[in-house]
Amino acid sequence: MGNSKLSGRSRWLGLDPFGILFPPGALCLAWLLIVIALTNAQQPGVICMTPFIWLMALIVGGGVVKYSRSQQAAALRKEAAIAGGLFGFLTGGVYLAQTLIVFGEDQASQRFSVLSGLGLMVGGVVLCALLSLGMAALTLRRTTSES
């Protein structure tokens, strides 16, 4: 009970917060910087690559297995699914923010931005969670077969 590491982990139900937050956070930050740079270079259409960027959820799943301190395969799979969903949510949020900024004041454009952004956030959560979970499971299978 006096072990602060155990009590801190119990708040996360045995899951490693670093393993969940670092892989999607780092990749989403990279995507955000690319979007900002290309939008400032008068190429706002880069945001249409968001569904393609969801393939980076495969990297998220492998990253969770690599960086998480969790030892159990079940915990790693849960972490990968959560991290993938977070990645999909964040990339959808980048899409929503960028389109609202680029389209500006026009109400029809704002409505389209919000609806498509929310759709991409929901779709991104589901698809990225599945992609990340799948890659984590494959990575775990490969590492256990090599041992």
N, C-alpha and C. Protein backbone atom coordinates (compact mmCIF):
# COMPACT_ATOMS: atom_id res chain seq x y z
N MET A 1 0.81 -1.19 0.00
CA MET A 1 0.00 0.00 0.00
C MET A 1 0.85 1.25 0.00
N GLY A 2 2.05 1.16 0.59
CA GLY A 2 2.92 2.31 0.64
C GLY A 2 3.67 2.55 -0.64
N ASN A 3 3.59 1.63 -1.58
CA ASN A 3 4.30 1.77 -2.84
C ASN A 3 3.55 2.74 -3.76
N SER A 4 4.13 3.91 -3.97
CA SER A 4 3.46 4.95 -4.76
C SER A 4 3.34 4.54 -6.22
N LYS A 5 4.27 3.72 -6.72
CA LYS A 5 4.20 3.29 -8.11
C LYS A 5 2.95 2.44 -8.33
N LEU A 6 2.67 1.55 -7.40
CA LEU A 6 1.48 0.72 -7.54
C LEU A 6 0.20 1.54 -7.40
N SER A 7 0.18 2.46 -6.43
CA SER A 7 -1.03 3.24 -6.25
C SER A 7 -1.27 4.17 -7.44
N GLY A 8 -0.20 4.67 -8.06
CA GLY A 8 -0.35 5.51 -9.24
C GLY A 8 -0.85 4.72 -10.43
N ARG A 9 -0.41 3.48 -10.55
CA ARG A 9 -0.85 2.65 -11.67
C ARG A 9 -2.28 2.18 -11.48
N SER A 10 -2.72 2.04 -10.22
CA SER A 10 -4.08 1.57 -10.01
C SER A 10 -5.11 2.58 -10.52
N ARG A 11 -4.74 3.85 -10.55
CA ARG A 11 -5.65 4.85 -11.11
C ARG A 11 -5.89 4.60 -12.59
N TRP A 12 -4.95 3.98 -13.26
CA TRP A 12 -5.06 3.68 -14.68
C TRP A 12 -5.49 2.23 -14.90
N LEU A 13 -5.96 1.57 -13.86
CA LEU A 13 -6.43 0.19 -13.93
C LEU A 13 -5.36 -0.75 -14.48
N GLY A 14 -4.14 -0.54 -14.05
CA GLY A 14 -3.05 -1.41 -14.45
C GLY A 14 -2.46 -1.09 -15.82
N LEU A 15 -2.89 -0.02 -16.44
CA LEU A 15 -2.37 0.37 -17.75
C LEU A 15 -1.30 1.43 -17.58
N ASP A 16 -0.36 1.46 -18.50
CA ASP A 16 0.75 2.40 -18.44
C ASP A 16 0.39 3.68 -19.21
N PRO A 17 0.25 4.81 -18.51
CA PRO A 17 -0.14 6.05 -19.21
C PRO A 17 0.88 6.49 -20.25
N PHE A 18 2.18 6.28 -19.99
CA PHE A 18 3.19 6.67 -20.97
C PHE A 18 3.03 5.87 -22.25
N GLY A 19 2.79 4.58 -22.11
CA GLY A 19 2.60 3.73 -23.28
C GLY A 19 1.38 4.11 -24.09
N ILE A 20 0.37 4.66 -23.41
CA ILE A 20 -0.85 5.07 -24.10
C ILE A 20 -0.70 6.45 -24.74
N LEU A 21 -0.03 7.36 -24.07
CA LEU A 21 0.00 8.75 -24.53
C LEU A 21 1.16 9.09 -25.46
N PHE A 22 2.32 8.48 -25.27
CA PHE A 22 3.50 8.89 -26.04
C PHE A 22 3.40 8.56 -27.53
N PRO A 23 3.12 7.31 -27.94
CA PRO A 23 3.10 7.04 -29.40
C PRO A 23 2.09 7.88 -30.18
N PRO A 24 0.81 7.97 -29.74
CA PRO A 24 -0.10 8.79 -30.53
C PRO A 24 0.20 10.28 -30.43
N GLY A 25 0.67 10.72 -29.27
CA GLY A 25 0.98 12.14 -29.09
C GLY A 25 2.12 12.59 -29.99
N ALA A 26 3.17 11.79 -30.07
CA ALA A 26 4.31 12.15 -30.90
C ALA A 26 3.94 12.18 -32.38
N LEU A 27 3.20 11.18 -32.83
CA LEU A 27 2.82 11.13 -34.25
C LEU A 27 1.82 12.23 -34.60
N CYS A 28 0.90 12.52 -33.70
CA CYS A 28 -0.06 13.58 -33.96
C CYS A 28 0.62 14.94 -33.97
N LEU A 29 1.59 15.13 -33.11
CA LEU A 29 2.34 16.38 -33.12
C LEU A 29 3.07 16.55 -34.44
N ALA A 30 3.66 15.49 -34.94
CA ALA A 30 4.34 15.55 -36.25
C ALA A 30 3.34 15.92 -37.35
N TRP A 31 2.16 15.29 -37.33
CA TRP A 31 1.13 15.58 -38.33
C TRP A 31 0.66 17.03 -38.21
N LEU A 32 0.48 17.52 -36.99
CA LEU A 32 0.06 18.90 -36.77
C LEU A 32 1.09 19.87 -37.35
N LEU A 33 2.36 19.62 -37.12
CA LEU A 33 3.41 20.50 -37.65
C LEU A 33 3.45 20.47 -39.17
N ILE A 34 3.23 19.31 -39.77
CA ILE A 34 3.18 19.21 -41.23
C ILE A 34 1.99 20.02 -41.77
N VAL A 35 0.84 19.88 -41.13
CA VAL A 35 -0.36 20.61 -41.57
C VAL A 35 -0.14 22.11 -41.45
N ILE A 36 0.44 22.55 -40.36
CA ILE A 36 0.70 23.99 -40.17
C ILE A 36 1.67 24.49 -41.23
N ALA A 37 2.75 23.77 -41.44
CA ALA A 37 3.77 24.21 -42.41
C ALA A 37 3.19 24.27 -43.82
N LEU A 38 2.47 23.24 -44.24
CA LEU A 38 1.95 23.24 -45.60
C LEU A 38 0.78 24.21 -45.78
N THR A 39 -0.02 24.41 -44.74
CA THR A 39 -1.10 25.40 -44.84
C THR A 39 -0.51 26.80 -44.96
N ASN A 40 0.55 27.08 -44.21
CA ASN A 40 1.22 28.38 -44.32
C ASN A 40 1.91 28.55 -45.67
N ALA A 41 2.25 27.43 -46.33
CA ALA A 41 2.85 27.49 -47.66
C ALA A 41 1.78 27.48 -48.76
N GLN A 42 0.55 27.86 -48.38
CA GLN A 42 -0.57 27.96 -49.31
C GLN A 42 -0.98 26.60 -49.91
N GLN A 43 -0.85 25.54 -49.11
CA GLN A 43 -1.27 24.20 -49.53
C GLN A 43 -2.24 23.61 -48.50
N PRO A 44 -3.40 24.26 -48.29
CA PRO A 44 -4.31 23.79 -47.24
C PRO A 44 -4.94 22.43 -47.54
N GLY A 45 -4.86 21.98 -48.77
CA GLY A 45 -5.44 20.68 -49.14
C GLY A 45 -4.75 19.50 -48.49
N VAL A 46 -3.61 19.74 -47.84
CA VAL A 46 -2.91 18.66 -47.16
C VAL A 46 -3.81 17.97 -46.14
N ILE A 47 -4.77 18.69 -45.60
CA ILE A 47 -5.64 18.13 -44.57
C ILE A 47 -6.48 16.98 -45.12
N CYS A 48 -6.66 16.92 -46.43
CA CYS A 48 -7.41 15.83 -47.05
C CYS A 48 -6.67 14.50 -46.94
N MET A 49 -5.43 14.55 -46.50
CA MET A 49 -4.64 13.32 -46.30
C MET A 49 -4.96 12.67 -44.96
N THR A 50 -5.85 13.24 -44.16
CA THR A 50 -6.14 12.72 -42.82
C THR A 50 -6.49 11.23 -42.82
N PRO A 51 -7.39 10.74 -43.70
CA PRO A 51 -7.64 9.30 -43.68
C PRO A 51 -6.40 8.45 -44.00
N PHE A 52 -5.53 8.95 -44.84
CA PHE A 52 -4.28 8.25 -45.13
C PHE A 52 -3.38 8.24 -43.90
N ILE A 53 -3.37 9.33 -43.16
CA ILE A 53 -2.55 9.44 -41.96
C ILE A 53 -3.00 8.44 -40.90
N TRP A 54 -4.25 8.01 -40.96
CA TRP A 54 -4.72 7.00 -40.01
C TRP A 54 -3.91 5.72 -40.09
N LEU A 55 -3.26 5.47 -41.22
CA LEU A 55 -2.41 4.29 -41.32
C LEU A 55 -1.25 4.34 -40.33
N MET A 56 -0.94 5.55 -39.86
CA MET A 56 0.10 5.68 -38.84
C MET A 56 -0.33 5.05 -37.52
N ALA A 57 -1.59 4.69 -37.40
CA ALA A 57 -2.05 3.96 -36.21
C ALA A 57 -1.34 2.61 -36.12
N LEU A 58 -0.87 2.10 -37.23
CA LEU A 58 -0.07 0.88 -37.20
C LEU A 58 1.22 1.12 -36.42
N ILE A 59 1.79 2.29 -36.60
CA ILE A 59 3.00 2.66 -35.85
C ILE A 59 2.66 2.85 -34.38
N VAL A 60 1.48 3.39 -34.11
CA VAL A 60 1.05 3.58 -32.72
C VAL A 60 0.99 2.23 -32.01
N GLY A 61 0.39 1.24 -32.64
CA GLY A 61 0.29 -0.08 -32.01
C GLY A 61 1.64 -0.69 -31.70
N GLY A 62 2.56 -0.60 -32.64
CA GLY A 62 3.92 -1.09 -32.39
C GLY A 62 4.63 -0.27 -31.34
N GLY A 63 4.38 1.03 -31.32
CA GLY A 63 4.99 1.91 -30.33
C GLY A 63 4.51 1.63 -28.93
N VAL A 64 3.25 1.28 -28.79
CA VAL A 64 2.73 0.94 -27.46
C VAL A 64 3.45 -0.29 -26.94
N VAL A 65 3.60 -1.30 -27.78
CA VAL A 65 4.29 -2.52 -27.35
C VAL A 65 5.74 -2.20 -26.99
N LYS A 66 6.36 -1.31 -27.74
CA LYS A 66 7.76 -0.98 -27.50
C LYS A 66 7.95 -0.12 -26.25
N TYR A 67 7.12 0.88 -26.04
CA TYR A 67 7.35 1.86 -24.98
C TYR A 67 6.60 1.61 -23.68
N SER A 68 5.59 0.79 -23.70
CA SER A 68 4.82 0.56 -22.48
C SER A 68 5.61 -0.28 -21.49
N ARG A 69 5.38 0.00 -20.22
CA ARG A 69 6.02 -0.79 -19.15
C ARG A 69 5.15 -1.96 -18.73
N SER A 70 3.98 -2.10 -19.33
CA SER A 70 3.10 -3.22 -19.01
C SER A 70 3.74 -4.52 -19.48
N GLN A 71 3.53 -5.56 -18.71
CA GLN A 71 4.13 -6.86 -19.03
C GLN A 71 3.13 -7.84 -19.63
N GLN A 72 1.86 -7.67 -19.32
CA GLN A 72 0.86 -8.62 -19.77
C GLN A 72 0.36 -8.25 -21.17
N ALA A 73 0.18 -9.27 -21.99
CA ALA A 73 -0.27 -9.05 -23.36
C ALA A 73 -1.65 -8.41 -23.39
N ALA A 74 -2.54 -8.80 -22.48
CA ALA A 74 -3.89 -8.23 -22.46
C ALA A 74 -3.85 -6.73 -22.19
N ALA A 75 -2.99 -6.32 -21.25
CA ALA A 75 -2.86 -4.88 -20.95
C ALA A 75 -2.29 -4.14 -22.14
N LEU A 76 -1.31 -4.73 -22.81
CA LEU A 76 -0.72 -4.08 -23.99
C LEU A 76 -1.74 -3.92 -25.11
N ARG A 77 -2.58 -4.93 -25.29
CA ARG A 77 -3.61 -4.82 -26.33
C ARG A 77 -4.62 -3.72 -25.99
N LYS A 78 -5.02 -3.64 -24.71
CA LYS A 78 -5.93 -2.56 -24.30
C LYS A 78 -5.28 -1.19 -24.51
N GLU A 79 -4.04 -1.07 -24.11
CA GLU A 79 -3.32 0.19 -24.29
C GLU A 79 -3.23 0.56 -25.76
N ALA A 80 -2.95 -0.41 -26.62
CA ALA A 80 -2.84 -0.13 -28.05
C ALA A 80 -4.16 0.35 -28.62
N ALA A 81 -5.26 -0.28 -28.21
CA ALA A 81 -6.57 0.14 -28.71
C ALA A 81 -6.90 1.56 -28.23
N ILE A 82 -6.62 1.84 -26.97
CA ILE A 82 -6.88 3.18 -26.43
C ILE A 82 -6.01 4.21 -27.14
N ALA A 83 -4.72 3.89 -27.30
CA ALA A 83 -3.79 4.82 -27.96
C ALA A 83 -4.19 5.05 -29.41
N GLY A 84 -4.61 4.01 -30.10
CA GLY A 84 -5.06 4.16 -31.48
C GLY A 84 -6.30 5.03 -31.57
N GLY A 85 -7.25 4.81 -30.67
CA GLY A 85 -8.45 5.65 -30.64
C GLY A 85 -8.11 7.10 -30.35
N LEU A 86 -7.17 7.30 -29.44
CA LEU A 86 -6.72 8.66 -29.14
C LEU A 86 -6.08 9.31 -30.37
N PHE A 87 -5.28 8.54 -31.10
CA PHE A 87 -4.65 9.05 -32.32
C PHE A 87 -5.71 9.46 -33.34
N GLY A 88 -6.71 8.62 -33.54
CA GLY A 88 -7.79 8.95 -34.47
C GLY A 88 -8.55 10.19 -34.05
N PHE A 89 -8.80 10.32 -32.75
CA PHE A 89 -9.50 11.49 -32.23
C PHE A 89 -8.67 12.76 -32.44
N LEU A 90 -7.38 12.68 -32.15
CA LEU A 90 -6.52 13.85 -32.29
C LEU A 90 -6.36 14.27 -33.75
N THR A 91 -6.19 13.32 -34.66
CA THR A 91 -6.05 13.68 -36.07
C THR A 91 -7.36 14.26 -36.61
N GLY A 92 -8.48 13.75 -36.14
CA GLY A 92 -9.77 14.35 -36.51
C GLY A 92 -9.89 15.76 -35.97
N GLY A 93 -9.36 15.98 -34.78
CA GLY A 93 -9.36 17.33 -34.19
C GLY A 93 -8.49 18.29 -34.98
N VAL A 94 -7.34 17.81 -35.48
CA VAL A 94 -6.48 18.64 -36.33
C VAL A 94 -7.23 19.01 -37.60
N TYR A 95 -7.94 18.04 -38.20
CA TYR A 95 -8.73 18.30 -39.40
C TYR A 95 -9.78 19.37 -39.11
N LEU A 96 -10.51 19.20 -38.02
CA LEU A 96 -11.57 20.14 -37.67
C LEU A 96 -11.02 21.54 -37.47
N ALA A 97 -9.95 21.66 -36.71
CA ALA A 97 -9.37 22.98 -36.44
C ALA A 97 -8.86 23.64 -37.72
N GLN A 98 -8.16 22.87 -38.55
CA GLN A 98 -7.58 23.44 -39.77
C GLN A 98 -8.67 23.90 -40.74
N THR A 99 -9.71 23.09 -40.91
CA THR A 99 -10.75 23.49 -41.86
C THR A 99 -11.55 24.69 -41.34
N LEU A 100 -11.76 24.77 -40.04
CA LEU A 100 -12.46 25.94 -39.50
C LEU A 100 -11.62 27.20 -39.69
N ILE A 101 -10.32 27.09 -39.53
CA ILE A 101 -9.45 28.25 -39.70
C ILE A 101 -9.37 28.66 -41.17
N VAL A 102 -9.23 27.69 -42.07
CA VAL A 102 -9.06 27.99 -43.50
C VAL A 102 -10.37 28.50 -44.10
N PHE A 103 -11.50 27.87 -43.77
CA PHE A 103 -12.76 28.27 -44.39
C PHE A 103 -13.29 29.58 -43.85
N GLY A 104 -12.91 29.95 -42.64
CA GLY A 104 -13.25 31.26 -42.12
C GLY A 104 -14.69 31.44 -41.72
N GLU A 105 -15.28 32.54 -42.18
CA GLU A 105 -16.56 33.02 -41.68
C GLU A 105 -17.80 32.45 -42.36
N ASP A 106 -17.67 31.86 -43.51
CA ASP A 106 -18.82 31.36 -44.26
C ASP A 106 -19.54 30.27 -43.46
N GLN A 107 -20.84 30.47 -43.20
CA GLN A 107 -21.58 29.53 -42.35
C GLN A 107 -21.74 28.16 -42.99
N ALA A 108 -21.96 28.10 -44.29
CA ALA A 108 -22.09 26.80 -44.96
C ALA A 108 -20.78 26.03 -44.88
N SER A 109 -19.67 26.72 -45.04
CA SER A 109 -18.37 26.08 -44.93
C SER A 109 -18.08 25.64 -43.50
N GLN A 110 -18.48 26.45 -42.54
CA GLN A 110 -18.29 26.07 -41.14
C GLN A 110 -19.11 24.83 -40.80
N ARG A 111 -20.33 24.78 -41.30
CA ARG A 111 -21.18 23.61 -41.05
C ARG A 111 -20.54 22.37 -41.65
N PHE A 112 -20.04 22.48 -42.87
CA PHE A 112 -19.34 21.35 -43.49
C PHE A 112 -18.12 20.95 -42.68
N SER A 113 -17.35 21.94 -42.22
CA SER A 113 -16.15 21.66 -41.44
C SER A 113 -16.49 20.90 -40.16
N VAL A 114 -17.51 21.36 -39.48
CA VAL A 114 -17.87 20.72 -38.21
C VAL A 114 -18.38 19.31 -38.45
N LEU A 115 -19.29 19.13 -39.41
CA LEU A 115 -19.84 17.80 -39.65
C LEU A 115 -18.78 16.83 -40.15
N SER A 116 -17.96 17.27 -41.10
CA SER A 116 -16.92 16.37 -41.60
C SER A 116 -15.86 16.12 -40.54
N GLY A 117 -15.53 17.14 -39.75
CA GLY A 117 -14.56 16.96 -38.68
C GLY A 117 -15.04 15.99 -37.63
N LEU A 118 -16.31 16.10 -37.22
CA LEU A 118 -16.86 15.16 -36.24
C LEU A 118 -16.92 13.75 -36.82
N GLY A 119 -17.28 13.65 -38.10
CA GLY A 119 -17.28 12.34 -38.75
C GLY A 119 -15.90 11.72 -38.80
N LEU A 120 -14.90 12.54 -39.10
CA LEU A 120 -13.53 12.03 -39.12
C LEU A 120 -13.04 11.68 -37.73
N MET A 121 -13.49 12.41 -36.73
CA MET A 121 -13.08 12.07 -35.36
C MET A 121 -13.66 10.72 -34.95
N VAL A 122 -14.95 10.52 -35.20
CA VAL A 122 -15.59 9.25 -34.83
C VAL A 122 -15.01 8.10 -35.65
N GLY A 123 -14.93 8.29 -36.97
CA GLY A 123 -14.36 7.25 -37.82
C GLY A 123 -12.91 6.97 -37.48
N GLY A 124 -12.17 8.03 -37.17
CA GLY A 124 -10.76 7.86 -36.81
C GLY A 124 -10.57 7.10 -35.53
N VAL A 125 -11.42 7.35 -34.54
CA VAL A 125 -11.33 6.63 -33.27
C VAL A 125 -11.50 5.13 -33.51
N VAL A 126 -12.53 4.77 -34.25
CA VAL A 126 -12.83 3.35 -34.47
C VAL A 126 -11.75 2.68 -35.33
N LEU A 127 -11.46 3.27 -36.47
CA LEU A 127 -10.50 2.65 -37.38
C LEU A 127 -9.09 2.61 -36.79
N CYS A 128 -8.65 3.69 -36.21
CA CYS A 128 -7.29 3.73 -35.64
C CYS A 128 -7.15 2.80 -34.45
N ALA A 129 -8.20 2.67 -33.65
CA ALA A 129 -8.16 1.72 -32.53
C ALA A 129 -7.99 0.30 -33.06
N LEU A 130 -8.72 -0.04 -34.11
CA LEU A 130 -8.61 -1.38 -34.69
C LEU A 130 -7.24 -1.62 -35.33
N LEU A 131 -6.75 -0.63 -36.06
CA LEU A 131 -5.42 -0.77 -36.69
C LEU A 131 -4.32 -0.91 -35.64
N SER A 132 -4.39 -0.09 -34.62
CA SER A 132 -3.38 -0.12 -33.57
C SER A 132 -3.44 -1.43 -32.80
N LEU A 133 -4.62 -1.87 -32.47
CA LEU A 133 -4.80 -3.15 -31.78
C LEU A 133 -4.26 -4.30 -32.61
N GLY A 134 -4.58 -4.29 -33.90
CA GLY A 134 -4.09 -5.35 -34.78
C GLY A 134 -2.57 -5.40 -34.86
N MET A 135 -1.95 -4.24 -34.98
CA MET A 135 -0.49 -4.21 -35.06
C MET A 135 0.14 -4.63 -33.73
N ALA A 136 -0.46 -4.22 -32.63
CA ALA A 136 0.06 -4.63 -31.32
C ALA A 136 -0.03 -6.15 -31.17
N ALA A 137 -1.16 -6.72 -31.58
CA ALA A 137 -1.31 -8.17 -31.49
C ALA A 137 -0.29 -8.89 -32.36
N LEU A 138 -0.07 -8.39 -33.57
CA LEU A 138 0.94 -9.00 -34.45
C LEU A 138 2.34 -8.86 -33.87
N THR A 139 2.64 -7.70 -33.31
CA THR A 139 3.96 -7.47 -32.70
C THR A 139 4.16 -8.39 -31.51
N LEU A 140 3.13 -8.52 -30.68
CA LEU A 140 3.22 -9.41 -29.52
C LEU A 140 3.40 -10.86 -29.96
N ARG A 141 2.68 -11.26 -30.98
CA ARG A 141 2.81 -12.64 -31.49
C ARG A 141 4.22 -12.88 -32.01
N ARG A 142 4.76 -11.90 -32.72
CA ARG A 142 6.12 -12.05 -33.26
C ARG A 142 7.15 -12.12 -32.14
N THR A 143 7.02 -11.27 -31.14
CA THR A 143 8.01 -11.25 -30.07
C THR A 143 7.93 -12.49 -29.20
N THR A 144 6.73 -13.05 -28.99
CA THR A 144 6.62 -14.27 -28.19
C THR A 144 7.09 -15.48 -28.96
N SER A 145 6.94 -15.49 -30.28
CA SER A 145 7.41 -16.62 -31.08
C SER A 145 8.94 -16.59 -31.22
N GLU A 146 9.54 -15.40 -31.12
CA GLU A 146 11.00 -15.29 -31.22
C GLU A 146 11.68 -15.67 -29.92
N SER A 147 10.95 -15.58 -28.81
CA SER A 147 11.56 -15.87 -27.50
C SER A 147 11.73 -17.34 -27.26
